[in-house]
Amino acid sequence: AHKEEARKRNQMRTFLMWIIIAIVIGYSLIIVQ
């Protein structure tokens, strides 16, 4: 049960991480260049 809960939290963290990375890279390419 602990492992399953940790896995769900990690999935959410990973999803959030990739969204933030995509925003940062997009901002650096389009806005800041």
PDB file of all heavy atoms in Angstrom:
ATOM      1  N   ALA A   1       0.831  -1.202   0.000  1.00  0.00           N
ATOM      2  CA  ALA A   1       0.000   0.000   0.000  1.00  0.00           C
ATOM      3  C   ALA A   1       0.867   1.255   0.000  1.00  0.00           C
ATOM      4  O   ALA A   1       0.582   2.232  -0.717  1.00  0.00           O
ATOM      5  CB  ALA A   1      -0.929  -0.014   1.214  1.00  0.00           C
ATOM      6  N   HIS A   2       1.936   1.242   0.798  1.00  0.00           N
ATOM      7  CA  HIS A   2       2.864   2.382   0.819  1.00  0.00           C
ATOM      8  C   HIS A   2       3.548   2.547  -0.539  1.00  0.00           C
ATOM      9  O   HIS A   2       3.716   3.678  -1.025  1.00  0.00           O
ATOM     10  CB  HIS A   2       3.908   2.177   1.909  1.00  0.00           C
ATOM     11  CG  HIS A   2       3.465   2.631   3.268  1.00  0.00           C
ATOM     12  ND1 HIS A   2       3.505   3.947   3.662  1.00  0.00           N
ATOM     13  CD2 HIS A   2       2.966   1.940   4.316  1.00  0.00           C
ATOM     14  CE1 HIS A   2       3.063   4.049   4.901  1.00  0.00           C
ATOM     15  NE2 HIS A   2       2.719   2.839   5.326  1.00  0.00           N
ATOM     16  N   LYS A   3       3.950   1.460  -1.134  1.00  0.00           N
ATOM     17  CA  LYS A   3       4.620   1.545  -2.440  1.00  0.00           C
ATOM     18  C   LYS A   3       3.671   2.078  -3.508  1.00  0.00           C
ATOM     19  O   LYS A   3       4.066   2.880  -4.367  1.00  0.00           O
ATOM     20  CB  LYS A   3       5.150   0.161  -2.837  1.00  0.00           C
ATOM     21  CG  LYS A   3       6.354  -0.296  -2.048  1.00  0.00           C
ATOM     22  CD  LYS A   3       6.833  -1.654  -2.544  1.00  0.00           C
ATOM     23  CE  LYS A   3       8.084  -2.094  -1.785  1.00  0.00           C
ATOM     24  NZ  LYS A   3       8.555  -3.437  -2.232  1.00  0.00           N
ATOM     25  N   GLU A   4       2.415   1.618  -3.458  1.00  0.00           N
ATOM     26  CA  GLU A   4       1.442   2.090  -4.440  1.00  0.00           C
ATOM     27  C   GLU A   4       1.188   3.587  -4.279  1.00  0.00           C
ATOM     28  O   GLU A   4       1.112   4.335  -5.266  1.00  0.00           O
ATOM     29  CB  GLU A   4       0.137   1.311  -4.276  1.00  0.00           C
ATOM     30  CG  GLU A   4      -0.977   1.730  -5.215  1.00  0.00           C
ATOM     31  CD  GLU A   4      -0.651   1.464  -6.677  1.00  0.00           C
ATOM     32  OE1 GLU A   4       0.241   0.617  -6.946  1.00  0.00           O
ATOM     33  OE2 GLU A   4      -1.252   2.110  -7.554  1.00  0.00           O
ATOM     34  N   GLU A   5       1.083   4.022  -3.036  1.00  0.00           N
ATOM     35  CA  GLU A   5       0.866   5.443  -2.793  1.00  0.00           C
ATOM     36  C   GLU A   5       2.080   6.262  -3.234  1.00  0.00           C
ATOM     37  O   GLU A   5       1.940   7.336  -3.830  1.00  0.00           O
ATOM     38  CB  GLU A   5       0.578   5.670  -1.311  1.00  0.00           C
ATOM     39  CG  GLU A   5       0.127   7.087  -1.001  1.00  0.00           C
ATOM     40  CD  GLU A   5      -0.303   7.228   0.448  1.00  0.00           C
ATOM     41  OE1 GLU A   5      -0.568   6.185   1.074  1.00  0.00           O
ATOM     42  OE2 GLU A   5      -0.349   8.361   0.933  1.00  0.00           O
ATOM     43  N   ALA A   6       3.297   5.729  -2.943  1.00  0.00           N
ATOM     44  CA  ALA A   6       4.510   6.440  -3.370  1.00  0.00           C
ATOM     45  C   ALA A   6       4.594   6.483  -4.891  1.00  0.00           C
ATOM     46  O   ALA A   6       5.021   7.493  -5.471  1.00  0.00           O
ATOM     47  CB  ALA A   6       5.733   5.761  -2.782  1.00  0.00           C
ATOM     48  N   ARG A   7       4.154   5.395  -5.535  1.00  0.00           N
ATOM     49  CA  ARG A   7       4.185   5.368  -7.003  1.00  0.00           C
ATOM     50  C   ARG A   7       3.241   6.421  -7.589  1.00  0.00           C
ATOM     51  O   ARG A   7       3.591   7.118  -8.554  1.00  0.00           O
ATOM     52  CB  ARG A   7       3.803   3.981  -7.491  1.00  0.00           C
ATOM     53  CG  ARG A   7       3.930   3.803  -9.001  1.00  0.00           C
ATOM     54  CD  ARG A   7       3.533   2.401  -9.414  1.00  0.00           C
ATOM     55  NE  ARG A   7       2.120   2.178  -9.134  1.00  0.00           N
ATOM     56  CZ  ARG A   7       1.126   2.575  -9.942  1.00  0.00           C
ATOM     57  NH1 ARG A   7       1.405   3.230 -11.057  1.00  0.00           N
ATOM     58  NH2 ARG A   7      -0.120   2.329  -9.630  1.00  0.00           N
ATOM     59  N   LYS A   8       2.045   6.568  -6.983  1.00  0.00           N
ATOM     60  CA  LYS A   8       1.095   7.568  -7.471  1.00  0.00           C
ATOM     61  C   LYS A   8       1.642   8.971  -7.275  1.00  0.00           C
ATOM     62  O   LYS A   8       1.518   9.837  -8.166  1.00  0.00           O
ATOM     63  CB  LYS A   8      -0.231   7.413  -6.745  1.00  0.00           C
ATOM     64  CG  LYS A   8      -0.992   6.139  -7.109  1.00  0.00           C
ATOM     65  CD  LYS A   8      -2.289   6.034  -6.330  1.00  0.00           C
ATOM     66  CE  LYS A   8      -3.035   4.756  -6.687  1.00  0.00           C
ATOM     67  NZ  LYS A   8      -4.296   4.618  -5.911  1.00  0.00           N
ATOM     68  N   ARG A   9       2.265   9.200  -6.116  1.00  0.00           N
ATOM     69  CA  ARG A   9       2.833  10.528  -5.874  1.00  0.00           C
ATOM     70  C   ARG A   9       3.957  10.821  -6.860  1.00  0.00           C
ATOM     71  O   ARG A   9       4.076  11.937  -7.360  1.00  0.00           O
ATOM     72  CB  ARG A   9       3.350  10.620  -4.439  1.00  0.00           C
ATOM     73  CG  ARG A   9       2.260  10.729  -3.388  1.00  0.00           C
ATOM     74  CD  ARG A   9       2.824  11.257  -2.059  1.00  0.00           C
ATOM     75  NE  ARG A   9       3.851  10.369  -1.540  1.00  0.00           N
ATOM     76  CZ  ARG A   9       3.612   9.387  -0.675  1.00  0.00           C
ATOM     77  NH1 ARG A   9       2.373   9.160  -0.261  1.00  0.00           N
ATOM     78  NH2 ARG A   9       4.597   8.638  -0.226  1.00  0.00           N
ATOM     79  N   ASN A  10       4.776   9.827  -7.130  1.00  0.00           N
ATOM     80  CA  ASN A  10       5.879  10.023  -8.067  1.00  0.00           C
ATOM     81  C   ASN A  10       5.366  10.282  -9.480  1.00  0.00           C
ATOM     82  O   ASN A  10       5.963  11.057 -10.246  1.00  0.00           O
ATOM     83  CB  ASN A  10       6.805   8.812  -8.046  1.00  0.00           C
ATOM     84  CG  ASN A  10       7.644   8.756  -6.775  1.00  0.00           C
ATOM     85  OD1 ASN A  10       7.863   9.782  -6.136  1.00  0.00           O
ATOM     86  ND2 ASN A  10       8.110   7.563  -6.415  1.00  0.00           N
ATOM     87  N   GLN A  11       4.277   9.584  -9.849  1.00  0.00           N
ATOM     88  CA  GLN A  11       3.700   9.833 -11.175  1.00  0.00           C
ATOM     89  C   GLN A  11       3.215  11.280 -11.289  1.00  0.00           C
ATOM     90  O   GLN A  11       3.429  11.945 -12.315  1.00  0.00           O
ATOM     91  CB  GLN A  11       2.541   8.867 -11.423  1.00  0.00           C
ATOM     92  CG  GLN A  11       2.982   7.448 -11.734  1.00  0.00           C
ATOM     93  CD  GLN A  11       1.794   6.519 -11.966  1.00  0.00           C
ATOM     94  OE1 GLN A  11       0.659   6.851 -11.619  1.00  0.00           O
ATOM     95  NE2 GLN A  11       2.068   5.357 -12.548  1.00  0.00           N
ATOM     96  N   MET A  12       2.554  11.743 -10.229  1.00  0.00           N
ATOM     97  CA  MET A  12       2.070  13.122 -10.239  1.00  0.00           C
ATOM     98  C   MET A  12       3.239  14.102 -10.281  1.00  0.00           C
ATOM     99  O   MET A  12       3.204  15.101 -11.023  1.00  0.00           O
ATOM    100  CB  MET A  12       1.207  13.380  -9.003  1.00  0.00           C
ATOM    101  CG  MET A  12       0.601  14.777  -8.954  1.00  0.00           C
ATOM    102  SD  MET A  12      -0.520  15.080 -10.346  1.00  0.00           S
ATOM    103  CE  MET A  12      -1.834  13.924  -9.942  1.00  0.00           C
ATOM    104  N   ARG A  13       4.277  13.810  -9.512  1.00  0.00           N
ATOM    105  CA  ARG A  13       5.459  14.671  -9.514  1.00  0.00           C
ATOM    106  C   ARG A  13       6.101  14.680 -10.901  1.00  0.00           C
ATOM    107  O   ARG A  13       6.519  15.733 -11.400  1.00  0.00           O
ATOM    108  CB  ARG A  13       6.475  14.190  -8.484  1.00  0.00           C
ATOM    109  CG  ARG A  13       6.156  14.589  -7.051  1.00  0.00           C
ATOM    110  CD  ARG A  13       7.143  13.915  -6.103  1.00  0.00           C
ATOM    111  NE  ARG A  13       7.022  14.429  -4.758  1.00  0.00           N
ATOM    112  CZ  ARG A  13       7.661  15.479  -4.285  1.00  0.00           C
ATOM    113  NH1 ARG A  13       8.489  16.131  -5.073  1.00  0.00           N
ATOM    114  NH2 ARG A  13       7.494  15.895  -3.047  1.00  0.00           N
ATOM    115  N   THR A  14       6.224  13.503 -11.514  1.00  0.00           N
ATOM    116  CA  THR A  14       6.856  13.407 -12.829  1.00  0.00           C
ATOM    117  C   THR A  14       6.053  14.184 -13.875  1.00  0.00           C
ATOM    118  O   THR A  14       6.618  14.895 -14.721  1.00  0.00           O
ATOM    119  CB  THR A  14       6.986  11.932 -13.240  1.00  0.00           C
ATOM    120  OG1 THR A  14       7.739  11.234 -12.252  1.00  0.00           O
ATOM    121  CG2 THR A  14       7.671  11.800 -14.586  1.00  0.00           C
ATOM    122  N   PHE A  15       4.735  14.012 -13.802  1.00  0.00           N
ATOM    123  CA  PHE A  15       3.871  14.741 -14.750  1.00  0.00           C
ATOM    124  C   PHE A  15       4.041  16.251 -14.583  1.00  0.00           C
ATOM    125  O   PHE A  15       4.195  17.000 -15.554  1.00  0.00           O
ATOM    126  CB  PHE A  15       2.413  14.329 -14.526  1.00  0.00           C
ATOM    127  CG  PHE A  15       1.449  15.029 -15.429  1.00  0.00           C
ATOM    128  CD1 PHE A  15       1.370  14.710 -16.784  1.00  0.00           C
ATOM    129  CD2 PHE A  15       0.611  16.030 -14.926  1.00  0.00           C
ATOM    130  CE1 PHE A  15       0.476  15.372 -17.617  1.00  0.00           C
ATOM    131  CE2 PHE A  15      -0.279  16.691 -15.758  1.00  0.00           C
ATOM    132  CZ  PHE A  15      -0.345  16.366 -17.112  1.00  0.00           C
ATOM    133  N   LEU A  16       4.039  16.697 -13.331  1.00  0.00           N
ATOM    134  CA  LEU A  16       4.208  18.126 -13.059  1.00  0.00           C
ATOM    135  C   LEU A  16       5.584  18.607 -13.494  1.00  0.00           C
ATOM    136  O   LEU A  16       5.743  19.710 -14.040  1.00  0.00           O
ATOM    137  CB  LEU A  16       3.991  18.386 -11.567  1.00  0.00           C
ATOM    138  CG  LEU A  16       4.109  19.836 -11.093  1.00  0.00           C
ATOM    139  CD1 LEU A  16       3.061  20.713 -11.789  1.00  0.00           C
ATOM    140  CD2 LEU A  16       3.944  19.918  -9.573  1.00  0.00           C
ATOM    141  N   MET A  17       6.605  17.738 -13.277  1.00  0.00           N
ATOM    142  CA  MET A  17       7.974  18.124 -13.654  1.00  0.00           C
ATOM    143  C   MET A  17       8.080  18.353 -15.150  1.00  0.00           C
ATOM    144  O   MET A  17       8.665  19.363 -15.601  1.00  0.00           O
ATOM    145  CB  MET A  17       8.939  17.017 -13.222  1.00  0.00           C
ATOM    146  CG  MET A  17      10.382  17.277 -13.621  1.00  0.00           C
ATOM    147  SD  MET A  17      11.424  15.834 -13.311  1.00  0.00           S
ATOM    148  CE  MET A  17      10.801  14.698 -14.552  1.00  0.00           C
ATOM    149  N   TRP A  18       7.523  17.433 -15.956  1.00  0.00           N
ATOM    150  CA  TRP A  18       7.637  17.577 -17.411  1.00  0.00           C
ATOM    151  C   TRP A  18       6.851  18.783 -17.916  1.00  0.00           C
ATOM    152  O   TRP A  18       7.246  19.432 -18.895  1.00  0.00           O
ATOM    153  CB  TRP A  18       7.169  16.304 -18.111  1.00  0.00           C
ATOM    154  CG  TRP A  18       8.140  15.164 -17.952  1.00  0.00           C
ATOM    155  CD1 TRP A  18       7.943  13.993 -17.335  1.00  0.00           C
ATOM    156  CD2 TRP A  18       9.475  15.127 -18.447  1.00  0.00           C
ATOM    157  NE1 TRP A  18       9.058  13.196 -17.380  1.00  0.00           N
ATOM    158  CE2 TRP A  18      10.036  13.871 -18.075  1.00  0.00           C
ATOM    159  CE3 TRP A  18      10.281  16.031 -19.165  1.00  0.00           C
ATOM    160  CZ2 TRP A  18      11.333  13.504 -18.387  1.00  0.00           C
ATOM    161  CZ3 TRP A  18      11.580  15.654 -19.496  1.00  0.00           C
ATOM    162  CH2 TRP A  18      12.096  14.408 -19.097  1.00  0.00           C
ATOM    163  N   ILE A  19       5.737  19.098 -17.274  1.00  0.00           N
ATOM    164  CA  ILE A  19       4.989  20.300 -17.673  1.00  0.00           C
ATOM    165  C   ILE A  19       5.831  21.550 -17.424  1.00  0.00           C
ATOM    166  O   ILE A  19       5.945  22.444 -18.289  1.00  0.00           O
ATOM    167  CB  ILE A  19       3.653  20.376 -16.911  1.00  0.00           C
ATOM    168  CG1 ILE A  19       2.700  19.285 -17.417  1.00  0.00           C
ATOM    169  CG2 ILE A  19       3.012  21.751 -17.074  1.00  0.00           C
ATOM    170  CD1 ILE A  19       1.379  19.247 -16.685  1.00  0.00           C
ATOM    171  N   ILE A  20       6.442  21.612 -16.244  1.00  0.00           N
ATOM    172  CA  ILE A  20       7.266  22.778 -15.914  1.00  0.00           C
ATOM    173  C   ILE A  20       8.471  22.859 -16.848  1.00  0.00           C
ATOM    174  O   ILE A  20       8.835  23.958 -17.338  1.00  0.00           O
ATOM    175  CB  ILE A  20       7.717  22.724 -14.450  1.00  0.00           C
ATOM    176  CG1 ILE A  20       6.490  22.837 -13.521  1.00  0.00           C
ATOM    177  CG2 ILE A  20       8.716  23.814 -14.143  1.00  0.00           C
ATOM    178  CD1 ILE A  20       6.826  22.657 -12.055  1.00  0.00           C
ATOM    179  N   ILE A  21       9.108  21.728 -17.146  1.00  0.00           N
ATOM    180  CA  ILE A  21      10.260  21.734 -18.062  1.00  0.00           C
ATOM    181  C   ILE A  21       9.844  22.211 -19.441  1.00  0.00           C
ATOM    182  O   ILE A  21      10.545  23.003 -20.110  1.00  0.00           O
ATOM    183  CB  ILE A  21      10.890  20.331 -18.111  1.00  0.00           C
ATOM    184  CG1 ILE A  21      11.608  20.019 -16.794  1.00  0.00           C
ATOM    185  CG2 ILE A  21      11.857  20.215 -19.277  1.00  0.00           C
ATOM    186  CD1 ILE A  21      12.175  18.606 -16.720  1.00  0.00           C
ATOM    187  N   ALA A  22       8.672  21.731 -19.894  1.00  0.00           N
ATOM    188  CA  ALA A  22       8.194  22.162 -21.221  1.00  0.00           C
ATOM    189  C   ALA A  22       7.939  23.664 -21.253  1.00  0.00           C
ATOM    190  O   ALA A  22       8.269  24.365 -22.235  1.00  0.00           O
ATOM    191  CB  ALA A  22       6.920  21.393 -21.578  1.00  0.00           C
ATOM    192  N   ILE A  23       7.353  24.201 -20.185  1.00  0.00           N
ATOM    193  CA  ILE A  23       7.094  25.648 -20.130  1.00  0.00           C
ATOM    194  C   ILE A  23       8.398  26.428 -20.137  1.00  0.00           C
ATOM    195  O   ILE A  23       8.548  27.444 -20.849  1.00  0.00           O
ATOM    196  CB  ILE A  23       6.255  25.982 -18.883  1.00  0.00           C
ATOM    197  CG1 ILE A  23       4.845  25.382 -19.016  1.00  0.00           C
ATOM    198  CG2 ILE A  23       6.181  27.490 -18.667  1.00  0.00           C
ATOM    199  CD1 ILE A  23       4.004  25.528 -17.766  1.00  0.00           C
ATOM    200  N   VAL A  24       9.388  25.966 -19.345  1.00  0.00           N
ATOM    201  CA  VAL A  24      10.669  26.679 -19.267  1.00  0.00           C
ATOM    202  C   VAL A  24      11.384  26.661 -20.608  1.00  0.00           C
ATOM    203  O   VAL A  24      11.902  27.697 -21.086  1.00  0.00           O
ATOM    204  CB  VAL A  24      11.549  26.064 -18.166  1.00  0.00           C
ATOM    205  CG1 VAL A  24      12.978  26.608 -18.246  1.00  0.00           C
ATOM    206  CG2 VAL A  24      10.955  26.355 -16.799  1.00  0.00           C
ATOM    207  N   ILE A  25      11.423  25.481 -21.261  1.00  0.00           N
ATOM    208  CA  ILE A  25      12.119  25.396 -22.553  1.00  0.00           C
ATOM    209  C   ILE A  25      11.378  26.218 -23.608  1.00  0.00           C
ATOM    210  O   ILE A  25      11.984  26.928 -24.434  1.00  0.00           O
ATOM    211  CB  ILE A  25      12.250  23.928 -22.985  1.00  0.00           C
ATOM    212  CG1 ILE A  25      13.215  23.193 -22.039  1.00  0.00           C
ATOM    213  CG2 ILE A  25      12.746  23.822 -24.419  1.00  0.00           C
ATOM    214  CD1 ILE A  25      13.388  21.721 -22.360  1.00  0.00           C
ATOM    215  N   GLY A  26      10.037  26.161 -23.564  1.00  0.00           N
ATOM    216  CA  GLY A  26       9.260  26.975 -24.520  1.00  0.00           C
ATOM    217  C   GLY A  26       9.487  28.460 -24.313  1.00  0.00           C
ATOM    218  O   GLY A  26       9.632  29.224 -25.281  1.00  0.00           O
ATOM    219  N   TYR A  27       9.521  28.867 -23.040  1.00  0.00           N
ATOM    220  CA  TYR A  27       9.772  30.282 -22.739  1.00  0.00           C
ATOM    221  C   TYR A  27      11.149  30.709 -23.232  1.00  0.00           C
ATOM    222  O   TYR A  27      11.318  31.793 -23.812  1.00  0.00           O
ATOM    223  CB  TYR A  27       9.637  30.507 -21.240  1.00  0.00           C
ATOM    224  CG  TYR A  27       9.919  31.920 -20.809  1.00  0.00           C
ATOM    225  CD1 TYR A  27       8.935  32.905 -20.922  1.00  0.00           C
ATOM    226  CD2 TYR A  27      11.157  32.273 -20.294  1.00  0.00           C
ATOM    227  CE1 TYR A  27       9.193  34.205 -20.525  1.00  0.00           C
ATOM    228  CE2 TYR A  27      11.418  33.572 -19.898  1.00  0.00           C
ATOM    229  CZ  TYR A  27      10.432  34.532 -20.014  1.00  0.00           C
ATOM    230  OH  TYR A  27      10.700  35.821 -19.632  1.00  0.00           O
ATOM    231  N   SER A  28      12.163  29.830 -23.031  1.00  0.00           N
ATOM    232  CA  SER A  28      13.524  30.192 -23.449  1.00  0.00           C
ATOM    233  C   SER A  28      13.660  30.239 -24.962  1.00  0.00           C
ATOM    234  O   SER A  28      14.445  31.033 -25.505  1.00  0.00           O
ATOM    235  CB  SER A  28      14.533  29.201 -22.855  1.00  0.00           C
ATOM    236  OG  SER A  28      14.282  27.899 -23.359  1.00  0.00           O
ATOM    237  N   LEU A  29      12.897  29.426 -25.690  1.00  0.00           N
ATOM    238  CA  LEU A  29      12.996  29.408 -27.149  1.00  0.00           C
ATOM    239  C   LEU A  29      12.218  30.557 -27.787  1.00  0.00           C
ATOM    240  O   LEU A  29      12.709  31.234 -28.698  1.00  0.00           O
ATOM    241  CB  LEU A  29      12.484  28.070 -27.694  1.00  0.00           C
ATOM    242  CG  LEU A  29      13.409  26.862 -27.526  1.00  0.00           C
ATOM    243  CD1 LEU A  29      12.708  25.585 -27.972  1.00  0.00           C
ATOM    244  CD2 LEU A  29      14.706  27.046 -28.305  1.00  0.00           C
ATOM    245  N   ILE A  30      10.985  30.763 -27.284  1.00  0.00           N
ATOM    246  CA  ILE A  30      10.100  31.712 -27.957  1.00  0.00           C
ATOM    247  C   ILE A  30      10.300  33.127 -27.446  1.00  0.00           C
ATOM    248  O   ILE A  30      10.411  34.087 -28.228  1.00  0.00           O
ATOM    249  CB  ILE A  30       8.636  31.277 -27.777  1.00  0.00           C
ATOM    250  CG1 ILE A  30       8.428  29.906 -28.424  1.00  0.00           C
ATOM    251  CG2 ILE A  30       7.672  32.298 -28.380  1.00  0.00           C
ATOM    252  CD1 ILE A  30       7.086  29.290 -28.131  1.00  0.00           C
ATOM    253  N   ILE A  31      10.351  33.280 -26.118  1.00  0.00           N
ATOM    254  CA  ILE A  31      10.401  34.626 -25.551  1.00  0.00           C
ATOM    255  C   ILE A  31      11.839  35.119 -25.430  1.00  0.00           C
ATOM    256  O   ILE A  31      12.203  36.181 -25.953  1.00  0.00           O
ATOM    257  CB  ILE A  31       9.702  34.668 -24.182  1.00  0.00           C
ATOM    258  CG1 ILE A  31       8.278  34.115 -24.280  1.00  0.00           C
ATOM    259  CG2 ILE A  31       9.707  36.089 -23.616  1.00  0.00           C
ATOM    260  CD1 ILE A  31       7.387  34.876 -25.253  1.00  0.00           C
ATOM    261  N   VAL A  32      12.657  34.392 -24.740  1.00  0.00           N
ATOM    262  CA  VAL A  32      14.022  34.847 -24.460  1.00  0.00           C
ATOM    263  C   VAL A  32      14.960  34.516 -25.611  1.00  0.00           C
ATOM    264  O   VAL A  32      15.946  35.217 -25.851  1.00  0.00           O
ATOM    265  CB  VAL A  32      14.539  34.208 -23.152  1.00  0.00           C
ATOM    266  CG1 VAL A  32      15.930  34.717 -22.800  1.00  0.00           C
ATOM    267  CG2 VAL A  32      13.579  34.499 -22.024  1.00  0.00           C
ATOM    268  N   GLN A  33      14.658  33.428 -26.317  1.00  0.00           N
ATOM    269  CA  GLN A  33      15.491  32.942 -27.421  1.00  0.00           C
ATOM    270  C   GLN A  33      16.917  32.606 -26.956  1.00  0.00           C
ATOM    271  O   GLN A  33      17.901  32.905 -27.610  1.00  0.00           O
ATOM    272  CB  GLN A  33      15.528  33.968 -28.562  1.00  0.00           C
ATOM    273  CG  GLN A  33      14.188  34.180 -29.216  1.00  0.00           C
ATOM    274  CD  GLN A  33      14.269  35.151 -30.387  1.00  0.00           C
ATOM    275  OE1 GLN A  33      15.279  35.861 -30.577  1.00  0.00           O
ATOM    276  NE2 GLN A  33      13.214  35.203 -31.185  1.00  0.00           N
TER     277      GLN A  33
END
